[in-house]
N, C-alpha and C. Protein backbone atom coordinates (compact mmCIF):
# COMPACT_ATOMS: atom_id res chain seq x y z
N MET A 1 0.83 -1.21 0.14
CA MET A 1 -0.12 0.22 -0.26
C MET A 1 0.82 0.91 -0.20
N THR A 2 0.67 2.33 -1.22
CA THR A 2 1.14 3.57 -0.68
C THR A 2 0.64 4.55 -0.24
N LEU A 3 1.01 5.57 -0.04
CA LEU A 3 0.35 6.87 0.92
C LEU A 3 0.15 8.11 -0.35
N ASP A 4 -0.74 8.48 -0.91
CA ASP A 4 -0.51 9.45 -2.11
C ASP A 4 -1.29 11.28 -1.51
N ALA A 5 -0.99 12.42 -2.11
CA ALA A 5 -1.65 13.13 -1.68
C ALA A 5 -2.91 13.52 -0.63
N ALA A 6 -3.47 12.46 -1.09
CA ALA A 6 -5.49 12.72 -0.99
C ALA A 6 -4.64 12.31 0.83
N TRP A 7 -3.81 11.65 0.97
CA TRP A 7 -3.55 11.20 2.61
C TRP A 7 -3.06 11.94 3.10
N ALA A 8 -2.20 12.59 2.50
CA ALA A 8 -1.75 13.67 3.12
C ALA A 8 -2.49 14.60 3.75
N ARG A 9 -3.50 15.12 2.62
CA ARG A 9 -4.77 16.23 2.86
C ARG A 9 -5.79 15.37 3.82
N ARG A 10 -5.97 14.38 3.87
CA ARG A 10 -6.66 13.39 5.17
C ARG A 10 -6.00 13.76 6.79
N TRP A 11 -4.64 13.66 6.42
CA TRP A 11 -3.61 13.47 7.57
C TRP A 11 -3.92 14.81 8.17
N ILE A 12 -3.82 16.10 8.06
CA ILE A 12 -3.96 17.24 8.36
C ILE A 12 -5.29 17.46 8.44
N GLY A 13 -6.42 17.32 8.01
CA GLY A 13 -7.67 17.25 8.52
C GLY A 13 -7.67 16.72 10.00
N GLU A 14 -7.40 15.35 9.81
CA GLU A 14 -7.22 14.37 11.09
C GLU A 14 -6.38 15.10 12.21
N ALA A 15 -5.02 15.81 11.56
CA ALA A 15 -4.38 16.51 12.87
C ALA A 15 -4.90 17.63 13.95
N ALA A 16 -5.52 18.08 13.01
CA ALA A 16 -6.37 19.16 13.52
C ALA A 16 -7.56 19.05 14.37
N ALA A 17 -8.25 17.98 13.93
CA ALA A 17 -9.15 17.85 14.68
C ALA A 17 -8.53 17.02 16.28
N GLN A 18 -7.16 16.46 15.78
CA GLN A 18 -6.82 16.26 17.39
C GLN A 18 -6.56 17.07 17.97
N VAL A 19 -5.79 17.85 17.79
CA VAL A 19 -5.22 18.69 18.04
C VAL A 19 -6.21 19.29 18.80
N ALA A 20 -7.14 20.53 18.44
CA ALA A 20 -8.42 20.92 18.92
C ALA A 20 -9.05 19.90 19.92
N ALA A 21 -9.32 18.77 19.63
CA ALA A 21 -9.58 18.34 21.18
C ALA A 21 -8.44 18.79 22.23
N ALA A 22 -7.30 18.25 21.87
CA ALA A 22 -6.39 18.22 22.98
C ALA A 22 -5.35 19.65 23.25
N LYS A 23 -6.24 20.50 22.92
CA LYS A 23 -5.54 22.18 22.70
C LYS A 23 -5.51 22.46 24.55
N ASP A 24 -6.43 22.31 25.25
CA ASP A 24 -6.34 22.40 26.71
C ASP A 24 -5.36 21.85 27.35
N GLY A 25 -5.28 19.98 26.67
CA GLY A 25 -4.11 20.02 27.29
C GLY A 25 -2.63 19.99 27.45
N LEU A 26 -2.84 20.14 25.99
CA LEU A 26 -1.13 20.60 25.54
C LEU A 26 -0.45 21.89 26.03
N THR A 27 -1.83 23.28 26.48
CA THR A 27 -1.15 24.00 26.98
C THR A 27 -1.23 24.24 28.16
N GLU A 28 -2.10 23.00 29.33
CA GLU A 28 -1.47 22.76 30.35
C GLU A 28 -0.10 22.55 30.24
N LEU A 29 0.17 21.61 29.83
CA LEU A 29 1.51 20.96 30.19
C LEU A 29 2.66 21.83 29.54
N ASP A 30 1.94 22.69 28.61
CA ASP A 30 3.38 24.01 28.45
C ASP A 30 3.05 24.77 29.60
N ARG A 31 2.22 24.96 30.34
CA ARG A 31 2.18 25.95 31.21
C ARG A 31 2.93 25.52 32.70
N GLN A 32 3.04 24.38 32.03
CA GLN A 32 3.87 23.43 33.51
C GLN A 32 5.45 24.05 33.50
N ILE A 33 5.60 23.78 32.38
CA ILE A 33 7.51 23.89 31.95
C ILE A 33 7.65 24.81 31.14
N GLY A 34 7.01 25.25 30.68
CA GLY A 34 6.64 26.53 29.16
C GLY A 34 6.19 27.96 28.88
N ASP A 35 5.90 28.14 28.04
CA ASP A 35 5.04 29.14 27.86
C ASP A 35 3.43 29.64 28.01
N GLY A 36 2.98 28.29 27.95
CA GLY A 36 1.92 27.96 28.21
C GLY A 36 1.24 28.07 26.71
N ASP A 37 1.32 27.98 25.92
CA ASP A 37 0.90 28.32 24.29
C ASP A 37 0.76 27.50 23.81
N HIS A 38 1.51 26.34 23.66
CA HIS A 38 1.26 25.13 22.85
C HIS A 38 0.44 24.86 21.81
N GLY A 39 -0.62 24.28 22.80
CA GLY A 39 -1.68 24.02 22.07
C GLY A 39 -2.26 24.82 21.90
N ILE A 40 -2.72 25.86 22.38
CA ILE A 40 -3.50 27.08 21.31
C ILE A 40 -2.55 27.56 20.18
N ASN A 41 -1.07 27.91 19.92
CA ASN A 41 -0.90 27.83 18.77
C ASN A 41 -0.96 26.88 18.12
N LEU A 42 -0.89 25.80 18.04
CA LEU A 42 -0.46 24.61 17.20
C LEU A 42 -2.36 24.43 16.45
N ASP A 43 -3.16 24.83 17.51
CA ASP A 43 -4.33 24.79 16.78
C ASP A 43 -4.55 25.72 15.83
N ARG A 44 -4.02 26.82 16.15
CA ARG A 44 -4.53 27.89 15.23
C ARG A 44 -3.74 27.94 14.16
N GLY A 45 -2.79 27.30 13.94
CA GLY A 45 -1.74 26.76 12.95
C GLY A 45 -2.37 25.67 11.72
N LEU A 46 -3.02 24.64 12.68
CA LEU A 46 -3.43 24.01 11.78
C LEU A 46 -4.76 24.12 11.18
N GLN A 47 -5.48 25.45 12.14
CA GLN A 47 -6.84 25.54 11.61
C GLN A 47 -6.60 26.70 10.42
N ALA A 48 -5.55 27.16 10.33
CA ALA A 48 -4.74 28.22 9.17
C ALA A 48 -4.35 27.33 8.28
N VAL A 49 -3.50 26.35 7.99
CA VAL A 49 -3.57 25.01 7.21
C VAL A 49 -4.59 24.76 6.60
N LEU A 50 -5.57 24.10 7.06
CA LEU A 50 -7.09 24.14 6.26
C LEU A 50 -7.84 24.61 5.66
N ALA A 51 -7.80 25.98 6.11
CA ALA A 51 -8.36 27.38 5.56
C ALA A 51 -7.13 27.48 4.31
N LYS A 52 -5.72 27.20 4.32
CA LYS A 52 -4.97 27.11 3.22
C LYS A 52 -5.23 26.35 2.15
N LEU A 53 -5.36 25.09 2.70
CA LEU A 53 -5.49 23.74 1.37
C LEU A 53 -7.06 24.02 1.14
N ASP A 54 -8.16 24.57 1.92
CA ASP A 54 -9.76 24.75 0.88
C ASP A 54 -9.76 25.75 0.18
N GLU A 55 -8.68 26.92 0.46
CA GLU A 55 -8.73 28.26 -0.91
C GLU A 55 -7.94 27.77 -1.79
N ASN A 56 -6.75 27.21 -2.08
CA ASN A 56 -5.87 27.02 -3.12
C ASN A 56 -5.17 25.78 -2.58
N PRO A 57 -6.04 25.00 -3.22
CA PRO A 57 -5.18 23.06 -2.57
C PRO A 57 -4.64 22.80 -3.87
N PRO A 58 -3.36 21.99 -3.26
CA PRO A 58 -2.11 21.70 -4.76
C PRO A 58 -3.30 20.87 -5.43
N GLY A 59 -3.01 21.16 -6.48
CA GLY A 59 -3.76 19.92 -8.03
C GLY A 59 -4.83 20.84 -8.47
N ALA A 60 -4.88 22.04 -8.05
CA ALA A 60 -6.30 23.01 -8.45
C ALA A 60 -6.38 22.72 -9.63
N ASP A 61 -5.11 23.02 -10.31
CA ASP A 61 -5.15 23.40 -12.16
C ASP A 61 -5.44 21.63 -12.62
N GLY A 62 -5.22 20.89 -11.91
CA GLY A 62 -5.26 19.47 -12.83
C GLY A 62 -4.42 18.91 -13.09
N GLY A 63 -3.16 18.79 -12.49
CA GLY A 63 -2.01 18.53 -12.72
C GLY A 63 -1.56 17.58 -11.73
N PRO A 64 -1.01 17.23 -11.62
CA PRO A 64 -0.51 15.95 -10.91
C PRO A 64 -0.11 16.40 -9.87
N VAL A 65 -0.02 15.73 -8.59
CA VAL A 65 0.12 16.35 -6.96
C VAL A 65 1.25 15.55 -6.24
N ALA A 66 1.89 15.89 -5.90
CA ALA A 66 2.99 15.12 -5.13
C ALA A 66 2.39 15.32 -3.43
N VAL A 67 2.82 14.14 -2.94
CA VAL A 67 2.50 14.51 -1.28
C VAL A 67 3.66 15.44 -0.74
N GLY A 68 4.40 15.53 -1.19
CA GLY A 68 5.70 17.13 -1.04
C GLY A 68 4.40 18.41 -1.01
N ASP A 69 3.98 18.27 -2.41
CA ASP A 69 3.12 19.67 -2.40
C ASP A 69 2.32 19.88 -1.33
N VAL A 70 1.54 19.10 -0.78
CA VAL A 70 0.60 19.57 0.64
C VAL A 70 1.51 19.51 2.13
N LEU A 71 2.36 18.54 1.79
CA LEU A 71 3.56 19.09 3.12
C LEU A 71 3.75 20.18 2.83
N SER A 72 4.47 20.57 1.83
CA SER A 72 5.09 21.85 1.37
C SER A 72 4.01 23.17 1.99
N LEU A 73 3.03 23.24 1.82
CA LEU A 73 1.76 24.17 1.92
C LEU A 73 1.90 24.30 3.64
N VAL A 74 1.77 22.77 4.38
CA VAL A 74 1.99 23.00 5.91
C VAL A 74 3.02 23.50 6.51
N ALA A 75 3.81 23.23 6.17
CA ALA A 75 5.08 23.59 6.76
C ALA A 75 5.28 25.23 6.41
N THR A 76 5.06 26.34 5.37
CA THR A 76 5.04 27.52 5.43
C THR A 76 3.75 28.13 6.26
N THR A 77 2.81 27.18 5.78
CA THR A 77 1.67 28.00 6.72
C THR A 77 1.65 27.90 8.29
N LEU A 78 2.28 26.63 8.72
CA LEU A 78 2.68 26.84 10.74
C LEU A 78 3.84 27.74 10.78
N MET A 79 4.51 27.71 9.75
CA MET A 79 6.11 28.79 10.20
C MET A 79 5.58 30.21 10.07
N SER A 80 4.31 30.78 9.46
CA SER A 80 3.94 32.23 9.36
C SER A 80 2.93 32.42 10.57
N THR A 81 2.19 31.43 11.49
CA THR A 81 1.12 31.33 12.24
C THR A 81 1.36 30.93 13.01
N VAL A 82 2.38 30.02 14.07
CA VAL A 82 2.53 29.25 15.02
C VAL A 82 3.57 30.18 15.54
N GLY A 83 3.47 30.77 16.91
CA GLY A 83 4.17 31.53 17.56
C GLY A 83 5.34 30.47 18.20
N GLY A 84 6.22 31.13 19.05
CA GLY A 84 6.89 30.21 19.71
C GLY A 84 7.97 29.75 19.32
N ALA A 85 8.35 28.27 19.24
CA ALA A 85 9.49 27.32 19.13
C ALA A 85 8.65 26.49 18.36
N SER A 86 7.57 26.41 18.13
CA SER A 86 7.05 25.00 17.50
C SER A 86 6.81 25.42 15.80
N GLY A 87 6.76 26.80 15.77
CA GLY A 87 5.80 26.78 14.59
C GLY A 87 6.99 26.91 13.87
N PRO A 88 8.85 27.57 14.20
CA PRO A 88 9.55 27.15 12.83
C PRO A 88 10.15 25.38 13.35
N LEU A 89 9.88 24.79 14.24
CA LEU A 89 10.59 23.51 14.63
C LEU A 89 9.58 22.68 13.71
N TYR A 90 8.49 22.67 14.08
CA TYR A 90 7.29 21.97 12.79
C TYR A 90 7.55 22.37 11.30
N GLY A 91 7.34 23.72 11.32
CA GLY A 91 7.54 24.40 9.83
C GLY A 91 8.59 23.31 9.16
N THR A 92 9.84 23.10 9.64
CA THR A 92 11.44 23.13 9.40
C THR A 92 11.19 21.33 9.24
N ALA A 93 10.14 20.41 9.95
CA ALA A 93 10.08 18.94 9.82
C ALA A 93 8.94 18.70 8.23
N PHE A 94 7.67 19.71 8.51
CA PHE A 94 7.48 19.66 7.62
C PHE A 94 7.88 19.26 5.89
N LEU A 95 8.49 20.80 6.04
CA LEU A 95 9.56 21.33 5.30
C LEU A 95 10.87 20.54 4.88
N ARG A 96 11.39 19.70 5.31
CA ARG A 96 12.22 18.80 5.29
C ARG A 96 11.46 17.35 4.55
N ALA A 97 10.57 17.17 5.37
CA ALA A 97 9.40 15.87 4.99
C ALA A 97 9.15 15.95 3.17
N ALA A 98 8.67 17.26 2.79
CA ALA A 98 8.31 17.47 1.91
C ALA A 98 8.95 17.21 0.59
N ARG A 99 10.67 18.04 0.72
CA ARG A 99 11.40 18.41 -0.24
C ARG A 99 11.78 16.27 -0.46
N SER A 100 11.68 15.39 0.76
CA SER A 100 11.90 14.37 0.65
C SER A 100 11.13 13.34 0.47
N ALA A 101 9.50 14.19 -0.06
CA ALA A 101 8.34 13.42 -0.44
C ALA A 101 7.82 13.64 -1.74
N GLN A 102 8.59 14.40 -2.40
CA GLN A 102 8.23 14.81 -3.90
C GLN A 102 7.86 13.87 -5.07
N ARG A 103 6.83 13.04 -5.06
CA ARG A 103 6.08 12.03 -5.73
C ARG A 103 4.58 12.06 -5.52
N GLU A 104 3.90 11.70 -6.29
CA GLU A 104 2.70 10.92 -6.27
C GLU A 104 2.69 10.18 -5.18
N SER A 105 3.16 9.13 -5.19
CA SER A 105 2.70 8.13 -3.67
C SER A 105 4.41 7.87 -3.28
N LEU A 106 4.26 7.09 -1.74
CA LEU A 106 4.89 6.85 -1.08
C LEU A 106 4.94 5.60 -0.44
N GLY A 107 5.79 4.57 -0.94
CA GLY A 107 6.09 3.53 -0.12
C GLY A 107 6.22 3.34 1.22
N ALA A 108 6.98 1.92 2.01
CA ALA A 108 7.74 2.24 3.16
C ALA A 108 8.74 2.94 3.11
N SER A 109 9.52 2.87 1.96
CA SER A 109 11.06 3.31 2.38
C SER A 109 10.80 4.71 2.44
N ALA A 110 10.02 5.13 1.59
CA ALA A 110 9.89 6.53 1.12
C ALA A 110 9.10 7.39 2.73
N VAL A 111 8.33 6.94 3.04
CA VAL A 111 8.07 7.35 4.60
C VAL A 111 9.23 7.45 5.32
N VAL A 112 10.00 6.32 5.23
CA VAL A 112 10.89 5.84 6.28
C VAL A 112 11.58 7.71 6.13
N ALA A 113 12.00 7.47 4.38
CA ALA A 113 12.82 9.02 4.67
C ALA A 113 12.06 10.13 4.87
N ALA A 114 11.04 10.29 4.16
CA ALA A 114 10.34 11.55 4.86
C ALA A 114 11.01 11.59 6.41
N LEU A 115 9.90 10.59 7.67
CA LEU A 115 10.20 10.95 9.40
C LEU A 115 11.88 11.24 9.39
N GLU A 116 12.61 10.97 8.66
CA GLU A 116 13.99 10.93 8.48
C GLU A 116 14.63 11.96 8.62
N ALA A 117 13.81 12.79 7.45
CA ALA A 117 14.35 14.21 6.94
C ALA A 117 13.69 15.10 7.95
N ALA A 118 11.74 14.81 8.74
CA ALA A 118 11.97 15.50 9.43
C ALA A 118 12.64 16.12 10.77
N LEU A 119 13.14 14.36 11.07
CA LEU A 119 14.13 14.81 12.33
C LEU A 119 15.07 15.49 12.34
N GLU A 120 15.94 15.35 11.05
CA GLU A 120 16.56 16.05 10.95
C GLU A 120 16.92 17.27 10.56
N GLY A 121 15.73 17.53 10.48
CA GLY A 121 15.05 19.43 10.23
C GLY A 121 14.98 19.71 11.73
N ILE A 122 14.25 19.06 12.61
CA ILE A 122 13.87 19.28 13.93
C ILE A 122 15.21 19.48 14.58
N GLU A 123 15.80 18.65 14.71
CA GLU A 123 17.35 18.46 15.25
C GLU A 123 18.51 19.97 14.65
N ALA A 124 18.01 20.06 13.45
CA ALA A 124 19.64 21.22 12.84
C ALA A 124 18.64 22.95 13.60
N ARG A 125 17.34 22.79 13.00
CA ARG A 125 16.91 23.97 13.92
C ARG A 125 16.44 23.81 15.41
N GLY A 126 16.47 22.81 15.96
CA GLY A 126 16.15 23.02 17.84
C GLY A 126 17.36 22.75 18.15
N ARG A 127 18.42 22.32 18.00
CA ARG A 127 20.29 21.81 18.20
C ARG A 127 19.59 20.87 19.58
N ALA A 128 18.32 20.24 19.21
CA ALA A 128 18.30 19.13 20.05
C ALA A 128 19.17 17.48 19.97
N ARG A 129 19.09 17.18 20.65
CA ARG A 129 19.50 15.80 21.19
C ARG A 129 18.37 14.85 21.71
N PRO A 130 18.23 13.26 21.29
CA PRO A 130 17.49 12.56 22.59
C PRO A 130 18.04 12.95 24.06
N GLY A 131 17.17 12.88 24.62
CA GLY A 131 17.06 12.82 26.00
C GLY A 131 17.55 14.25 27.02
N GLU A 132 17.01 15.52 25.80
CA GLU A 132 17.09 16.64 26.35
C GLU A 132 15.31 17.44 26.68
N LYS A 133 14.57 16.47 26.89
CA LYS A 133 12.94 16.98 26.93
C LYS A 133 12.51 17.85 26.15
N THR A 134 12.42 17.19 24.39
CA THR A 134 11.61 18.28 23.55
C THR A 134 11.32 17.53 22.81
N MET A 135 11.02 17.48 21.56
CA MET A 135 9.71 16.85 20.86
C MET A 135 11.23 15.61 20.11
N VAL A 136 12.04 15.91 20.19
CA VAL A 136 12.92 15.17 19.34
C VAL A 136 13.08 13.46 20.49
N ASP A 137 12.46 13.66 21.59
CA ASP A 137 12.09 12.51 22.51
C ASP A 137 11.03 11.67 21.46
N ALA A 138 9.94 11.71 20.90
CA ALA A 138 9.63 11.09 20.38
C ALA A 138 9.84 11.26 18.57
N TRP A 139 10.18 11.71 18.63
CA TRP A 139 10.83 11.71 16.50
C TRP A 139 11.66 10.84 16.53
N GLN A 140 12.70 10.80 17.66
CA GLN A 140 13.69 9.63 17.34
C GLN A 140 13.06 8.24 17.29
N PRO A 141 12.66 7.66 18.58
CA PRO A 141 11.95 6.83 18.63
C PRO A 141 11.44 6.38 17.52
N ALA A 142 10.50 7.16 16.98
CA ALA A 142 9.60 6.85 15.83
C ALA A 142 9.86 6.52 14.46
N VAL A 143 11.14 7.64 14.49
CA VAL A 143 11.91 7.14 13.50
C VAL A 143 12.70 5.80 13.49
N ASP A 144 13.38 5.54 14.64
CA ASP A 144 13.81 4.32 14.83
C ASP A 144 12.89 2.62 14.46
N ALA A 145 11.65 3.14 15.06
CA ALA A 145 10.60 2.29 14.65
C ALA A 145 9.99 2.09 13.07
N ALA A 146 10.06 3.10 12.79
CA ALA A 146 9.93 3.08 11.39
C ALA A 146 10.77 2.13 10.52
N VAL A 147 12.28 2.64 10.73
CA VAL A 147 12.90 2.09 9.99
C VAL A 147 13.27 0.25 10.13
N ARG A 148 12.65 -0.22 11.56
CA ARG A 148 13.02 -1.17 11.61
C ARG A 148 11.40 -2.06 11.20
N ALA A 149 10.41 -1.11 11.19
CA ALA A 149 9.29 -1.78 10.73
C ALA A 149 9.20 -1.98 9.11
N ALA A 150 10.35 -1.06 8.11
CA ALA A 150 10.05 -1.05 6.94
C ALA A 150 11.38 -2.30 6.64
N ASP A 151 12.33 -2.31 7.34
CA ASP A 151 13.37 -4.00 7.45
C ASP A 151 11.82 -4.56 7.49
N ASP A 152 11.44 -5.12 8.28
CA ASP A 152 10.78 -6.36 8.47
C ASP A 152 9.81 -6.33 7.61
N GLY A 153 9.94 -5.65 6.58
CA GLY A 153 9.04 -5.81 5.20
C GLY A 153 7.03 -5.35 5.77
N GLY A 154 7.36 -4.35 6.67
CA GLY A 154 5.78 -3.68 6.25
C GLY A 154 5.36 -2.23 5.58
N ASP A 155 4.31 -2.93 5.42
CA ASP A 155 4.11 -1.44 3.98
C ASP A 155 3.91 0.02 4.63
N ALA A 156 3.34 1.12 3.54
CA ALA A 156 3.75 2.68 4.05
C ALA A 156 2.91 2.27 5.58
N VAL A 157 1.80 2.17 5.62
CA VAL A 157 1.03 2.17 6.67
C VAL A 157 1.55 1.61 8.07
N ALA A 158 2.32 0.11 7.79
CA ALA A 158 2.93 -0.54 9.23
C ALA A 158 3.89 0.48 9.82
N VAL A 159 4.78 1.32 8.42
CA VAL A 159 5.58 1.77 9.07
C VAL A 159 5.25 3.37 9.83
N LEU A 160 4.30 3.99 9.44
CA LEU A 160 3.70 4.93 9.61
C LEU A 160 3.00 4.30 11.66
N ARG A 161 2.28 3.24 11.42
CA ARG A 161 1.58 2.92 13.31
C ARG A 161 3.44 2.36 13.66
N ALA A 162 3.81 1.71 13.39
CA ALA A 162 4.90 1.88 14.19
C ALA A 162 5.86 3.29 15.19
N ALA A 163 5.83 4.15 14.15
CA ALA A 163 6.06 5.34 14.31
C ALA A 163 5.72 6.53 15.38
N ALA A 164 3.76 5.73 14.90
CA ALA A 164 3.24 6.42 16.08
C ALA A 164 3.31 5.61 17.70
N GLU A 165 3.47 4.60 17.44
CA GLU A 165 3.04 3.86 18.66
C GLU A 165 3.94 4.17 19.41
N ALA A 166 5.82 4.15 18.93
CA ALA A 166 7.07 4.54 19.29
C ALA A 166 6.78 6.19 19.63
N ALA A 167 6.49 6.89 19.10
CA ALA A 167 6.60 8.53 19.76
C ALA A 167 5.45 8.41 20.84
N ASP A 168 4.56 7.92 20.53
CA ASP A 168 3.09 7.88 22.10
C ASP A 168 4.90 7.43 23.18
N ALA A 169 5.21 6.48 22.98
CA ALA A 169 5.90 6.03 24.18
C ALA A 169 6.72 7.07 24.51
N GLY A 170 7.22 7.16 23.53
CA GLY A 170 8.55 8.09 24.01
C GLY A 170 8.24 9.48 24.09
N ALA A 171 7.00 10.08 24.02
CA ALA A 171 6.52 11.06 24.15
C ALA A 171 6.16 10.94 26.02
N SER A 172 5.56 9.77 26.48
CA SER A 172 5.58 9.46 28.20
C SER A 172 7.10 9.19 28.97
N ALA A 173 7.55 8.70 28.39
CA ALA A 173 9.37 9.07 28.70
C ALA A 173 9.93 9.91 29.15
N THR A 174 9.36 11.25 28.19
CA THR A 174 10.07 12.51 28.86
C THR A 174 9.85 12.51 30.12
N VAL A 175 8.52 12.53 30.97
CA VAL A 175 8.31 12.98 31.97
C VAL A 175 9.35 13.03 33.15
N PRO A 176 10.02 11.86 33.10
CA PRO A 176 10.49 11.43 34.86
C PRO A 176 12.41 12.74 33.88
N LEU A 177 12.40 12.93 32.46
CA LEU A 177 13.34 13.69 32.29
C LEU A 177 13.51 15.29 33.12
N VAL A 178 15.16 15.52 32.95
CA VAL A 178 15.20 17.44 33.25
C VAL A 178 15.75 17.10 32.19
N ALA A 179 14.81 18.60 31.65
CA ALA A 179 15.21 19.45 30.59
C ALA A 179 16.40 20.50 30.38
N THR A 180 17.03 20.22 29.38
CA THR A 180 18.53 20.46 28.95
C THR A 180 18.36 21.48 27.76
N LYS A 181 17.01 22.25 27.47
CA LYS A 181 17.26 22.58 26.00
C LYS A 181 15.58 23.22 25.96
N GLY A 182 15.67 25.36 25.68
CA GLY A 182 14.32 25.06 26.15
C GLY A 182 13.89 26.19 26.67
N ARG A 183 12.76 26.24 27.05
CA ARG A 183 12.38 27.10 28.10
C ARG A 183 12.57 26.10 29.17
N ALA A 184 11.96 25.39 28.99
CA ALA A 184 11.70 24.27 30.13
C ALA A 184 12.50 24.14 30.91
N SER A 185 14.42 24.13 30.13
CA SER A 185 15.55 24.06 30.87
C SER A 185 16.15 25.41 32.03
N TYR A 186 15.21 26.44 31.95
CA TYR A 186 15.18 27.72 33.30
C TYR A 186 14.57 26.39 34.67
N LEU A 187 13.62 25.40 34.14
CA LEU A 187 13.34 25.12 35.51
C LEU A 187 14.30 24.09 36.35
N GLY A 188 15.52 23.18 35.65
CA GLY A 188 16.25 22.90 36.14
C GLY A 188 15.59 21.64 36.57
N GLU A 189 15.71 20.94 37.65
CA GLU A 189 15.23 19.61 38.63
C GLU A 189 13.45 19.83 38.63
N ARG A 190 12.97 21.02 38.68
CA ARG A 190 11.39 21.08 39.00
C ARG A 190 11.04 20.45 37.53
N SER A 191 11.56 21.10 36.40
CA SER A 191 11.05 20.34 34.89
C SER A 191 10.87 18.99 35.15
N ALA A 192 11.77 18.12 35.43
CA ALA A 192 11.61 16.83 35.87
C ALA A 192 9.64 16.40 36.05
N GLY A 193 9.17 15.33 36.47
CA GLY A 193 7.62 14.93 36.48
C GLY A 193 6.86 15.54 35.48
N HIS A 194 6.64 15.56 34.48
CA HIS A 194 6.13 16.30 33.39
C HIS A 194 6.32 16.13 32.16
N GLU A 195 5.34 15.90 31.56
CA GLU A 195 5.70 15.40 29.93
C GLU A 195 6.15 16.79 28.55
N ASP A 196 7.13 16.75 28.26
CA ASP A 196 6.85 17.44 27.04
C ASP A 196 5.97 17.82 26.33
N PRO A 197 5.29 19.12 25.99
CA PRO A 197 4.26 18.91 25.45
C PRO A 197 4.71 19.10 24.58
N GLY A 198 5.75 19.61 23.19
CA GLY A 198 5.91 19.05 22.15
C GLY A 198 6.04 17.47 21.55
N ALA A 199 6.60 16.79 22.82
CA ALA A 199 7.07 15.11 22.37
C ALA A 199 5.02 14.66 22.18
N ARG A 200 4.61 15.14 23.47
CA ARG A 200 3.08 15.32 23.25
C ARG A 200 2.24 15.50 22.09
N SER A 201 2.02 16.08 22.07
CA SER A 201 1.39 16.73 20.36
C SER A 201 2.27 16.20 19.16
N THR A 202 3.76 15.73 18.84
CA THR A 202 4.24 14.98 17.98
C THR A 202 3.41 13.26 17.95
N ALA A 203 3.65 13.20 18.75
CA ALA A 203 2.31 11.29 19.29
C ALA A 203 1.08 11.92 18.86
N LEU A 204 0.48 12.76 18.80
CA LEU A 204 -0.92 13.22 18.30
C LEU A 204 -0.58 13.51 16.71
N LEU A 205 0.55 14.04 16.19
CA LEU A 205 -0.14 14.13 14.21
C LEU A 205 0.34 12.70 13.85
N LEU A 206 1.87 12.20 14.51
CA LEU A 206 1.93 10.90 14.14
C LEU A 206 1.00 9.79 14.39
N ARG A 207 -0.24 9.81 15.10
CA ARG A 207 -1.12 8.51 15.22
C ARG A 207 -2.31 9.41 14.06
N ALA A 208 -2.24 10.80 14.28
CA ALA A 208 -3.35 11.39 12.94
C ALA A 208 -2.98 10.96 11.31
N ALA A 209 -1.76 10.65 11.16
CA ALA A 209 -1.35 10.25 10.10
C ALA A 209 -1.45 8.67 9.93
N VAL A 210 -1.54 7.99 11.07
CA VAL A 210 -1.92 6.59 10.67
C VAL A 210 -3.74 6.11 10.80
N VAL A 211 -4.11 6.77 11.01
CA VAL A 211 -5.39 7.23 11.05
C VAL A 211 -5.94 7.64 9.65
N ALA A 212 -4.99 8.87 8.86
CA ALA A 212 -5.69 9.00 8.13
C ALA A 212 -5.30 7.97 6.81
N ALA A 213 -4.21 7.31 7.23
CA ALA A 213 -3.86 6.23 6.42
C ALA A 213 -4.95 4.82 6.38
N GLU A 214 -5.60 4.63 7.51
CA GLU A 214 -6.30 3.47 7.56
C GLU A 214 -7.56 3.92 6.86
N ALA A 215 -7.81 4.92 6.71
CA ALA A 215 -9.39 5.77 6.12
C ALA A 215 -9.32 5.36 4.91
N SER A 216 -7.81 5.59 3.95
CA SER A 216 -7.89 5.15 2.55
C SER A 216 -8.48 4.16 2.05
């Protein structure tokens, strides 16, 4: 099974719905160790993406649409509408993934490549590494699980499913960590005991990608 631009569009719709439902929870997580606006900002950004996709959908001219065309629109919209650190980070992630996904459909290996590109973008933009209590702590296990699933012969949906499950576990695993990057690092030891909001929203976004894939 492969994933096309229609899947990418469904993904963003599902992601927007999941983030809207989790907005208050994500914001509360961010109040505990950050600026207190993560859920609000990400919700606003994804709603703006949906509006852009409705106003000017890729392929409106009747030509072929690459998965990356959809992801590129997501990237530029998030960068221009989401405040704080999450806008640039998620925007860069989607932009790198878009460059990797300039084809009409993605198989397992292409999904892995897109996830790897997204992680590389986040690490480059945020200068973060695993263990620092950031969204990287969800993205790195997601990529590792995706690679294993593809190596085991899984299709694109199986790869996404493995990534989403690992991201969820990775987000939960940030609770005991002490933050050493971003605003949460100002709290030092007091940042332990709280889940990183960016890691949790990463898990939500990847779960949304699975739901969109299973609906195809």
